C-alpha atoms as a PDB file:
ATOM      1  CA  MET A   1      34.808 -21.298 -26.649  1.00  0.00           C
ATOM      2  CA  ASN A   2      33.206 -24.530 -25.523  1.00  0.00           C
ATOM      3  CA  ALA A   3      33.992 -24.000 -21.846  1.00  0.00           C
ATOM      4  CA  VAL A   4      32.892 -21.583 -19.208  1.00  0.00           C
ATOM      5  CA  VAL A   5      35.269 -21.313 -16.272  1.00  0.00           C
ATOM      6  CA  SER A   6      34.164 -20.227 -12.834  1.00  0.00           C
ATOM      7  CA  GLU A   7      35.769 -17.277 -11.045  1.00  0.00           C
ATOM      8  CA  GLU A   8      37.502 -19.636  -8.618  1.00  0.00           C
ATOM      9  CA  ALA A   9      39.019 -21.577 -11.497  1.00  0.00           C
ATOM     10  CA  GLY A  10      40.288 -18.455 -13.201  1.00  0.00           C
ATOM     11  CA  ALA A  11      42.013 -17.279 -10.031  1.00  0.00           C
ATOM     12  CA  GLY A  12      43.240 -20.657  -8.785  1.00  0.00           C
ATOM     13  CA  GLY A  13      44.475 -22.265 -11.992  1.00  0.00           C
ATOM     14  CA  GLY A  14      45.847 -25.815 -12.172  1.00  0.00           C
ATOM     15  CA  ALA A  15      43.707 -28.804 -11.183  1.00  0.00           C
ATOM     16  CA  ALA A  16      41.061 -26.532  -9.653  1.00  0.00           C
ATOM     17  CA  ALA A  17      40.605 -24.815 -13.019  1.00  0.00           C
ATOM     18  CA  ALA A  18      40.203 -28.120 -14.851  1.00  0.00           C
ATOM     19  CA  ALA A  19      37.642 -29.362 -12.310  1.00  0.00           C
ATOM     20  CA  ALA A  20      35.660 -26.115 -12.472  1.00  0.00           C
ATOM     21  CA  ALA A  21      35.453 -25.890 -16.281  1.00  0.00           C
ATOM     22  CA  VAL A  22      31.916 -26.317 -17.558  1.00  0.00           C
ATOM     23  CA  THR A  23      31.110 -26.965 -21.197  1.00  0.00           C
ATOM     24  CA  LEU A  24      28.174 -25.449 -23.017  1.00  0.00           C
ATOM     25  CA  GLU A  25      26.890 -29.002 -23.512  1.00  0.00           C
ATOM     26  CA  GLU A  26      26.870 -29.582 -19.756  1.00  0.00           C
ATOM     27  CA  LEU A  27      24.941 -26.360 -19.236  1.00  0.00           C
ATOM     28  CA  ARG A  28      22.515 -27.335 -22.002  1.00  0.00           C
ATOM     29  CA  LYS A  29      21.846 -30.714 -20.358  1.00  0.00           C
ATOM     30  CA  LYS A  30      21.474 -29.207 -16.879  1.00  0.00           C
ATOM     31  CA  MET A  31      19.011 -26.608 -18.169  1.00  0.00           C
ATOM     32  CA  ALA A  32      17.004 -29.258 -20.044  1.00  0.00           C
ATOM     33  CA  ASP A  33      16.865 -31.450 -16.918  1.00  0.00           C
ATOM     34  CA  PHE A  34      15.946 -28.458 -14.749  1.00  0.00           C
ATOM     35  CA  ALA A  35      13.034 -27.520 -17.017  1.00  0.00           C
ATOM     36  CA  ARG A  36      11.864 -31.132 -17.403  1.00  0.00           C
ATOM     37  CA  GLU A  37      11.908 -31.766 -13.625  1.00  0.00           C
ATOM     38  CA  ARG A  38       9.642 -28.756 -13.081  1.00  0.00           C
ATOM     39  CA  ASP A  39       7.420 -29.409 -16.120  1.00  0.00           C
ATOM     40  CA  TRP A  40       8.487 -26.044 -17.565  1.00  0.00           C
ATOM     41  CA  GLU A  41       9.216 -27.341 -21.067  1.00  0.00           C
ATOM     42  CA  GLN A  42       5.701 -26.365 -22.106  1.00  0.00           C
ATOM     43  CA  TYR A  43       6.606 -22.717 -21.461  1.00  0.00           C
ATOM     44  CA  HIS A  44      10.029 -22.782 -23.101  1.00  0.00           C
ATOM     45  CA  SER A  45       9.104 -21.747 -26.616  1.00  0.00           C
ATOM     46  CA  PRO A  46      11.795 -19.782 -28.445  1.00  0.00           C
ATOM     47  CA  ARG A  47       9.688 -16.607 -28.153  1.00  0.00           C
ATOM     48  CA  ASN A  48       9.177 -16.972 -24.404  1.00  0.00           C
ATOM     49  CA  LEU A  49      12.839 -17.735 -23.819  1.00  0.00           C
ATOM     50  CA  LEU A  50      13.907 -14.761 -25.902  1.00  0.00           C
ATOM     51  CA  LEU A  51      11.648 -12.435 -23.943  1.00  0.00           C
ATOM     52  CA  ALA A  52      13.002 -13.827 -20.666  1.00  0.00           C
ATOM     53  CA  LEU A  53      16.548 -13.344 -21.993  1.00  0.00           C
ATOM     54  CA  VAL A  54      15.808  -9.718 -22.885  1.00  0.00           C
ATOM     55  CA  GLY A  55      14.450  -9.186 -19.360  1.00  0.00           C
ATOM     56  CA  GLU A  56      17.638 -10.604 -17.876  1.00  0.00           C
ATOM     57  CA  VAL A  57      19.781  -8.376 -20.108  1.00  0.00           C
ATOM     58  CA  GLY A  58      17.744  -5.467 -18.740  1.00  0.00           C
ATOM     59  CA  GLU A  59      18.547  -6.546 -15.171  1.00  0.00           C
ATOM     60  CA  LEU A  60      22.214  -6.821 -16.123  1.00  0.00           C
ATOM     61  CA  SER A  61      22.088  -3.339 -17.629  1.00  0.00           C
ATOM     62  CA  GLU A  62      20.636  -1.898 -14.417  1.00  0.00           C
ATOM     63  CA  ILE A  63      23.811  -2.843 -12.568  1.00  0.00           C
ATOM     64  CA  PHE A  64      25.861  -0.551 -14.810  1.00  0.00           C
ATOM     65  CA  GLN A  65      23.202   2.111 -15.434  1.00  0.00           C
ATOM     66  CA  TRP A  66      24.494   4.825 -13.090  1.00  0.00           C
ATOM     67  CA  LYS A  67      28.120   3.781 -12.722  1.00  0.00           C
ATOM     68  CA  GLY A  68      29.541   5.639 -15.715  1.00  0.00           C
ATOM     69  CA  GLU A  69      32.476   4.018 -17.478  1.00  0.00           C
ATOM     70  CA  VAL A  70      33.657   0.978 -15.506  1.00  0.00           C
ATOM     71  CA  PRO A  71      37.296  -0.123 -15.828  1.00  0.00           C
ATOM     72  CA  LYS A  72      38.329  -3.714 -16.368  1.00  0.00           C
ATOM     73  CA  GLY A  73      38.417  -5.749 -13.187  1.00  0.00           C
ATOM     74  CA  LEU A  74      35.743  -3.575 -11.505  1.00  0.00           C
ATOM     75  CA  PRO A  75      38.065  -1.832  -9.053  1.00  0.00           C
ATOM     76  CA  GLY A  76      36.201  -0.339  -6.119  1.00  0.00           C
ATOM     77  CA  TRP A  77      33.208  -2.632  -6.445  1.00  0.00           C
ATOM     78  CA  GLU A  78      32.023  -4.318  -3.276  1.00  0.00           C
ATOM     79  CA  GLU A  79      31.941  -8.107  -3.137  1.00  0.00           C
ATOM     80  CA  ARG A  80      28.135  -8.156  -3.041  1.00  0.00           C
ATOM     81  CA  GLU A  81      28.013  -6.035  -6.227  1.00  0.00           C
ATOM     82  CA  THR A  82      30.374  -8.387  -8.043  1.00  0.00           C
ATOM     83  CA  GLU A  83      28.395 -11.391  -6.820  1.00  0.00           C
ATOM     84  CA  HIS A  84      25.145  -9.825  -8.064  1.00  0.00           C
ATOM     85  CA  LEU A  85      26.805  -9.121 -11.428  1.00  0.00           C
ATOM     86  CA  GLY A  86      27.826 -12.787 -11.647  1.00  0.00           C
ATOM     87  CA  GLU A  87      24.249 -13.888 -10.956  1.00  0.00           C
ATOM     88  CA  GLU A  88      22.845 -11.664 -13.689  1.00  0.00           C
ATOM     89  CA  LEU A  89      25.541 -12.720 -16.180  1.00  0.00           C
ATOM     90  CA  ALA A  90      24.694 -16.344 -15.359  1.00  0.00           C
ATOM     91  CA  ASP A  91      20.978 -15.694 -15.946  1.00  0.00           C
ATOM     92  CA  VAL A  92      21.758 -14.257 -19.385  1.00  0.00           C
ATOM     93  CA  LEU A  93      24.050 -17.172 -20.247  1.00  0.00           C
ATOM     94  CA  LEU A  94      21.589 -19.811 -19.077  1.00  0.00           C
ATOM     95  CA  TYR A  95      18.667 -18.345 -21.005  1.00  0.00           C
ATOM     96  CA  LEU A  96      20.867 -18.046 -24.089  1.00  0.00           C
ATOM     97  CA  VAL A  97      21.947 -21.683 -23.779  1.00  0.00           C
ATOM     98  CA  ARG A  98      18.342 -22.790 -23.294  1.00  0.00           C
ATOM     99  CA  LEU A  99      17.138 -20.679 -26.246  1.00  0.00           C
ATOM    100  CA  SER A 100      19.802 -22.110 -28.533  1.00  0.00           C
ATOM    101  CA  ASP A 101      18.826 -25.623 -27.439  1.00  0.00           C
ATOM    102  CA  MET A 102      15.142 -25.002 -28.150  1.00  0.00           C
ATOM    103  CA  CYS A 103      16.078 -23.633 -31.582  1.00  0.00           C
ATOM    104  CA  GLY A 104      18.359 -26.565 -32.387  1.00  0.00           C
ATOM    105  CA  VAL A 105      21.454 -24.370 -32.675  1.00  0.00           C
ATOM    106  CA  ASP A 106      24.828 -25.636 -31.445  1.00  0.00           C
ATOM    107  CA  LEU A 107      25.871 -22.474 -29.630  1.00  0.00           C
ATOM    108  CA  GLY A 108      29.555 -23.394 -29.419  1.00  0.00           C
ATOM    109  CA  LYS A 109      29.806 -24.078 -33.147  1.00  0.00           C
ATOM    110  CA  ALA A 110      27.787 -20.969 -33.985  1.00  0.00           C
ATOM    111  CA  ALA A 111      30.061 -18.818 -31.793  1.00  0.00           C
ATOM    112  CA  LEU A 112      33.232 -20.215 -33.353  1.00  0.00           C
ATOM    113  CA  ARG A 113      31.797 -19.666 -36.839  1.00  0.00           C
ATOM    114  CA  LYS A 114      30.893 -16.088 -35.946  1.00  0.00           C
ATOM    115  CA  ILE A 115      34.407 -15.398 -34.634  1.00  0.00           C
ATOM    116  CA  ASP A 116      35.805 -16.694 -37.938  1.00  0.00           C
ATOM    117  CA  LEU A 117      33.393 -14.538 -39.952  1.00  0.00           C
ATOM    118  CA  ASN A 118      34.297 -11.486 -37.869  1.00  0.00           C
ATOM    119  CA  ALA A 119      38.014 -12.183 -38.341  1.00  0.00           C
ATOM    120  CA  ARG A 120      37.487 -12.040 -42.098  1.00  0.00           C
ATOM    121  CA  LYS A 121      35.174  -9.045 -41.906  1.00  0.00           C
ATOM    122  CA  TYR A 122      37.475  -7.107 -39.560  1.00  0.00           C
ATOM    123  CA  PRO A 123      41.019  -8.200 -40.396  1.00  0.00           C
ATOM    124  CA  ALA A 124      43.758  -7.402 -37.919  1.00  0.00           C
ATOM    125  CA  GLY A 125      46.622  -5.226 -38.979  1.00  0.00           C
ATOM    126  CA  PRO A 126      48.047  -1.748 -38.985  1.00  0.00           C
ATOM    127  CA  GLY A 127      45.790  -0.537 -41.821  1.00  0.00           C
ATOM    128  CA  CYS A 128      42.571  -1.179 -39.903  1.00  0.00           C
ATOM    129  CA  ARG A 129      40.936   1.102 -37.407  1.00  0.00           C
ATOM    130  CA  PRO A 130      37.576   0.942 -35.684  1.00  0.00           C
ATOM    131  CA  SER A 131      34.874   3.401 -36.603  1.00  0.00           C
ATOM    132  CA  LYS A 132      31.211   3.946 -35.874  1.00  0.00           C
ATOM    133  CA  LYS A 133      30.235   1.845 -38.915  1.00  0.00           C
ATOM    134  CA  GLY A 134      32.906  -0.863 -38.555  1.00  0.00           C
ATOM    135  CA  ALA A 135      36.507  -1.421 -39.520  1.00  0.00           C
ATOM    136  CA  HIS A 136      37.952   0.620 -42.322  1.00  0.00           C
ATOM    137  CA  CYS A 137      41.103  -0.792 -43.839  1.00  0.00           C
ATOM    138  CA  SER A 138      43.528   0.494 -46.404  1.00  0.00           C
ATOM    139  CA  ASP A 139      45.292  -1.951 -48.683  1.00  0.00           C
ATOM    140  CA  ASP A 140      48.664  -1.536 -50.421  1.00  0.00           C
ATOM    141  CA  THR A 141      47.051   0.451 -53.252  1.00  0.00           C
ATOM    142  CA  GLY A 142      45.766   3.087 -50.835  1.00  0.00           C
ATOM    143  CA  ASP A 143      42.159   2.125 -51.578  1.00  0.00           C
ATOM    144  CA  ARG A 144      39.974   2.358 -48.532  1.00  0.00           C
ATOM    145  CA  ARG A 145      37.816  -0.675 -47.770  1.00  0.00           C
ATOM    146  CA  ASP A 146      34.641  -0.823 -45.719  1.00  0.00           C
ATOM    147  CA  ASP A 147      33.811  -3.463 -43.133  1.00  0.00           C
ATOM    148  CA  CYS A 148      32.690  -5.852 -45.877  1.00  0.00           C
ATOM    149  CA  GLY A 149      35.967  -5.579 -47.791  1.00  0.00           C
ATOM    150  CA  ASP A 150      34.473  -3.479 -50.603  1.00  0.00           C
ATOM    151  CA  VAL A 151      36.416  -0.508 -51.926  1.00  0.00           C
ATOM    152  CA  VAL A 152      34.927   2.734 -50.634  1.00  0.00           C
ATOM    153  CA  ALA A 153      34.920   5.767 -52.888  1.00  0.00           C
ATOM    154  CA  VAL A 154      36.619   8.620 -51.089  1.00  0.00           C
ATOM    155  CA  VAL A 155      35.402  11.956 -52.407  1.00  0.00           C
ATOM    156  CA  ARG A 156      36.873  15.201 -51.175  1.00  0.00           C
ATOM    157  CA  ALA A 157      34.595  18.118 -50.263  1.00  0.00           C
ATOM    158  CA  ASP A 158      36.215  20.392 -52.881  1.00  0.00           C
ATOM    159  CA  GLU A 159      35.375  17.831 -55.607  1.00  0.00           C
ATOM    160  CA  ILE A 160      31.720  17.937 -54.556  1.00  0.00           C
ATOM    161  CA  LYS A 161      31.682  21.754 -54.622  1.00  0.00           C
ATOM    162  CA  GLU A 162      33.224  21.804 -58.137  1.00  0.00           C
ATOM    163  CA  GLU A 163      30.641  19.301 -59.362  1.00  0.00           C
ATOM    164  CA  HIS A 164      27.712  21.389 -58.075  1.00  0.00           C
ATOM    165  CA  ALA A 165      29.210  24.666 -59.346  1.00  0.00           C
ATOM    166  CA  SER A 166      29.275  23.545 -62.974  1.00  0.00           C
END
């Protein structure tokens, strides 16, 4: 979670992968230096960075807007399309790293904490299935649990009809 690996590293593996790995801390420092060298720090308030990040997410969304469902690996995409996608993903990542730095949040630690929280909120196992509202899990008692682990009351439609009829 603390490293971002370039496309070349992912494909090449070995020593090339190790040399191409970039930590979030390295990105944070590079972004801070970049802004300082251009005297842009004065403009990098959390609000301004968030708005810039939202704009970049919009540009990223445009790439997929008319493509329909896109399978993993982007089969059929031209090299220039994949390169453009990488540029927009990088813009989103860099603004996110800069925003977290300006807010004093260790992004790597926050991400690892969130993964842990999600693992507890959405436990893996055969009793869990995704839904529109989150994971719904059944325990050994047959009770259904919502995505927060609370027991959900399951009421059948015929029970509701009986209640209103009386």
